[in-house]
N, C-alpha and C. Protein backbone atom coordinates (compact mmCIF):
# COMPACT_ATOMS: atom_id res chain seq x y z
N MET A 1 -9.56 -6.58 -13.52
CA MET A 1 -9.01 -7.57 -13.08
C MET A 1 -8.33 -7.35 -11.78
N PHE A 2 -7.92 -8.13 -10.66
CA PHE A 2 -7.19 -7.76 -9.74
C PHE A 2 -6.05 -8.67 -10.22
N VAL A 3 -4.67 -7.71 -10.12
CA VAL A 3 -3.05 -8.56 -10.36
C VAL A 3 -2.59 -8.26 -9.79
N GLY A 4 -1.80 -9.14 -8.75
CA GLY A 4 -1.09 -8.90 -7.80
C GLY A 4 -0.89 -8.48 -5.93
N ARG A 5 -0.17 -8.30 -5.41
CA ARG A 5 -0.62 -7.85 -4.55
C ARG A 5 -0.90 -9.66 -3.57
N GLU A 6 -1.04 -10.86 -3.55
CA GLU A 6 -1.93 -11.17 -2.96
C GLU A 6 -1.80 -11.75 -1.70
N ALA A 7 -0.46 -11.48 -1.25
CA ALA A 7 0.14 -11.49 -0.17
C ALA A 7 -0.87 -10.78 0.69
N GLU A 8 -0.86 -9.08 0.39
CA GLU A 8 -1.26 -8.40 1.29
C GLU A 8 -3.21 -8.86 1.02
N LEU A 9 -3.61 -9.22 0.15
CA LEU A 9 -5.04 -9.72 -0.05
C LEU A 9 -5.65 -10.72 0.99
N GLN A 10 -4.67 -11.33 1.24
CA GLN A 10 -4.28 -12.70 2.14
C GLN A 10 -4.47 -12.35 3.33
N GLN A 11 -4.41 -11.34 3.40
CA GLN A 11 -4.35 -10.88 4.92
C GLN A 11 -5.28 -10.32 5.26
N LEU A 12 -5.78 -10.00 4.40
CA LEU A 12 -6.87 -8.69 4.49
C LEU A 12 -8.10 -9.63 4.94
N THR A 13 -8.24 -11.17 3.60
CA THR A 13 -9.51 -12.14 3.98
C THR A 13 -8.97 -12.43 5.30
N GLU A 14 -8.18 -12.96 5.35
CA GLU A 14 -7.47 -14.10 7.12
C GLU A 14 -8.41 -12.86 8.02
N VAL A 15 -8.47 -11.99 7.81
CA VAL A 15 -8.53 -10.40 9.28
C VAL A 15 -9.98 -10.74 9.00
N PHE A 16 -10.36 -10.84 8.13
CA PHE A 16 -12.04 -10.09 7.30
C PHE A 16 -13.06 -11.78 7.83
N ALA A 17 -12.13 -12.84 7.75
CA ALA A 17 -13.20 -13.51 7.92
C ALA A 17 -12.84 -14.61 9.59
N LYS A 18 -12.63 -13.62 10.19
CA LYS A 18 -12.14 -13.68 11.98
C LYS A 18 -13.53 -13.62 12.13
N PRO A 19 -14.02 -14.09 13.35
CA PRO A 19 -15.73 -13.68 13.93
C PRO A 19 -15.12 -12.37 14.77
N GLY A 20 -16.70 -11.51 14.72
CA GLY A 20 -16.50 -10.43 15.46
C GLY A 20 -16.47 -9.23 14.60
N LYS A 21 -16.02 -8.13 14.84
CA LYS A 21 -15.95 -7.29 14.28
C LYS A 21 -14.59 -6.77 14.49
N GLN A 22 -14.37 -6.22 13.49
CA GLN A 22 -12.50 -5.87 12.88
C GLN A 22 -12.78 -4.93 12.52
N ALA A 23 -11.76 -3.91 12.40
CA ALA A 23 -11.13 -2.80 11.53
C ALA A 23 -9.79 -2.74 11.18
N VAL A 24 -9.90 -2.67 9.91
CA VAL A 24 -8.84 -2.26 8.81
C VAL A 24 -8.25 -0.58 8.76
N MET A 25 -7.07 -0.35 9.25
CA MET A 25 -6.65 0.91 8.72
C MET A 25 -5.93 0.91 7.43
N LEU A 26 -5.46 1.07 6.60
CA LEU A 26 -4.65 1.27 5.50
C LEU A 26 -3.81 2.58 5.34
N TYR A 27 -2.52 2.75 5.05
CA TYR A 27 -1.89 4.04 5.57
C TYR A 27 -0.93 3.89 4.46
N GLY A 28 -0.24 5.22 3.62
CA GLY A 28 0.65 4.81 2.99
C GLY A 28 0.53 6.05 1.68
N ARG A 29 1.43 6.17 0.64
CA ARG A 29 1.13 6.96 -0.20
C ARG A 29 0.35 6.77 -0.58
N ARG A 30 0.08 7.84 -1.54
CA ARG A 30 -0.80 8.20 -2.80
C ARG A 30 -0.25 7.10 -4.17
N ARG A 31 -1.98 6.94 -4.39
CA ARG A 31 -1.19 6.03 -5.87
C ARG A 31 -1.33 4.97 -6.15
N VAL A 32 -0.34 3.60 -4.90
CA VAL A 32 -0.32 2.87 -4.92
C VAL A 32 -1.39 1.81 -4.85
N GLY A 33 -2.72 1.80 -5.02
CA GLY A 33 -3.54 0.99 -4.90
C GLY A 33 -4.08 0.37 -3.84
N LYS A 34 -4.05 1.38 -2.48
CA LYS A 34 -4.85 0.58 -1.60
C LYS A 34 -6.27 0.69 -1.33
N SER A 35 -7.12 1.98 -2.02
CA SER A 35 -8.82 1.37 -2.35
C SER A 35 -8.81 0.78 -2.97
N THR A 36 -7.98 0.41 -3.84
CA THR A 36 -8.31 -0.83 -4.85
C THR A 36 -7.57 -2.28 -4.02
N LEU A 37 -7.53 -2.43 -3.27
CA LEU A 37 -6.41 -3.42 -2.93
C LEU A 37 -8.16 -3.79 -1.27
N ILE A 38 -8.69 -2.78 -0.78
CA ILE A 38 -9.69 -2.97 0.28
C ILE A 38 -10.81 -3.23 -0.54
N LEU A 39 -10.80 -2.54 -1.61
CA LEU A 39 -12.12 -2.96 -2.11
C LEU A 39 -12.08 -4.71 -2.69
N GLU A 40 -11.45 -4.80 -3.28
CA GLU A 40 -11.08 -6.03 -3.94
C GLU A 40 -11.29 -7.16 -2.55
N ALA A 41 -10.84 -6.88 -1.43
CA ALA A 41 -10.75 -7.97 -0.39
C ALA A 41 -12.41 -7.80 -0.01
N ILE A 42 -12.94 -6.59 0.53
CA ILE A 42 -14.28 -7.03 0.56
C ILE A 42 -15.48 -7.99 -0.04
N LYS A 43 -15.31 -7.88 -1.31
CA LYS A 43 -15.45 -7.79 -2.42
C LYS A 43 -16.60 -9.69 -2.53
N ASN A 44 -16.36 -10.48 -1.42
CA ASN A 44 -16.73 -11.58 -1.31
C ASN A 44 -17.12 -12.00 -0.03
N ILE A 45 -16.90 -11.23 1.09
CA ILE A 45 -17.01 -10.35 2.50
C ILE A 45 -19.07 -10.70 2.88
N ALA A 46 -19.53 -12.54 3.21
CA ALA A 46 -20.82 -12.48 3.86
C ALA A 46 -20.91 -11.81 4.72
N CYS A 47 -20.14 -10.65 5.57
CA CYS A 47 -20.79 -9.51 6.60
C CYS A 47 -21.01 -8.32 6.16
N LYS A 48 -21.64 -7.90 6.71
CA LYS A 48 -21.66 -6.15 6.47
C LYS A 48 -20.72 -4.93 6.95
N VAL A 49 -19.90 -4.45 5.79
CA VAL A 49 -18.81 -3.43 5.78
C VAL A 49 -19.24 -2.96 5.86
N ILE A 50 -18.28 -1.54 6.61
CA ILE A 50 -18.33 0.15 6.04
C ILE A 50 -17.12 0.23 5.38
N TYR A 51 -16.89 1.04 4.45
CA TYR A 51 -15.20 1.71 3.78
C TYR A 51 -15.76 3.08 3.73
N TYR A 52 -14.96 3.85 4.25
CA TYR A 52 -15.11 4.81 4.12
C TYR A 52 -13.57 5.27 4.50
N GLU A 53 -13.45 6.35 3.44
CA GLU A 53 -11.99 6.70 2.85
C GLU A 53 -12.29 7.93 3.81
N CYS A 54 -10.96 8.32 4.78
CA CYS A 54 -10.49 9.64 5.70
C CYS A 54 -10.42 10.31 4.41
N LEU A 55 -10.32 11.68 4.88
CA LEU A 55 -10.00 12.94 4.16
C LEU A 55 -8.98 13.35 5.13
N MET A 56 -7.68 14.07 4.50
CA MET A 56 -6.93 15.04 5.12
C MET A 56 -7.60 16.01 5.67
N THR A 57 -8.24 16.10 6.71
CA THR A 57 -8.60 17.02 7.62
C THR A 57 -8.75 16.95 8.68
N SER A 58 -9.24 17.49 10.08
CA SER A 58 -9.01 16.82 10.99
C SER A 58 -10.01 15.19 11.38
N LEU A 59 -9.19 14.90 12.68
CA LEU A 59 -9.82 13.67 13.39
C LEU A 59 -11.54 13.93 13.06
N GLU A 60 -12.28 15.37 13.77
CA GLU A 60 -13.45 16.15 14.26
C GLU A 60 -14.69 15.87 12.62
N ASP A 61 -13.55 16.32 11.49
CA ASP A 61 -14.67 16.50 10.21
C ASP A 61 -14.88 15.47 9.48
N ASN A 62 -13.62 14.36 10.14
CA ASN A 62 -13.60 13.17 9.10
C ASN A 62 -14.83 11.99 9.85
N LEU A 63 -14.79 12.26 11.41
CA LEU A 63 -16.49 12.32 11.88
C LEU A 63 -17.91 12.44 11.82
N ARG A 64 -17.55 13.85 11.59
CA ARG A 64 -18.90 14.24 11.07
C ARG A 64 -19.23 13.69 9.97
N SER A 65 -18.18 13.43 9.00
CA SER A 65 -18.47 12.90 7.46
C SER A 65 -18.76 11.74 7.66
N LEU A 66 -18.40 10.71 8.55
CA LEU A 66 -18.44 9.41 8.38
C LEU A 66 -20.31 9.06 8.94
N GLU A 67 -20.47 9.79 10.06
CA GLU A 67 -21.93 9.59 11.02
C GLU A 67 -23.29 10.38 9.08
N ALA A 68 -22.73 11.50 8.59
CA ALA A 68 -23.60 11.53 7.72
C ALA A 68 -23.80 10.48 7.12
N LYS A 69 -23.27 9.65 6.15
CA LYS A 69 -23.34 8.56 5.77
C LYS A 69 -24.40 7.69 5.72
């Protein structure tokens, strides 16, 4: 069950409801629920979603990893 962070969840839901392509990047301290928040927000999205968790490496390494998926 997802509890709390209703304001942030509503914000993400509104962004995803907009027509066209949207990009969202969450950045913050470790272990505060960023991944859980984004995964909860995309649960009921009717469109295609790409979820990629960047690693603390170079931009090039992250792009290569995303391309490989």
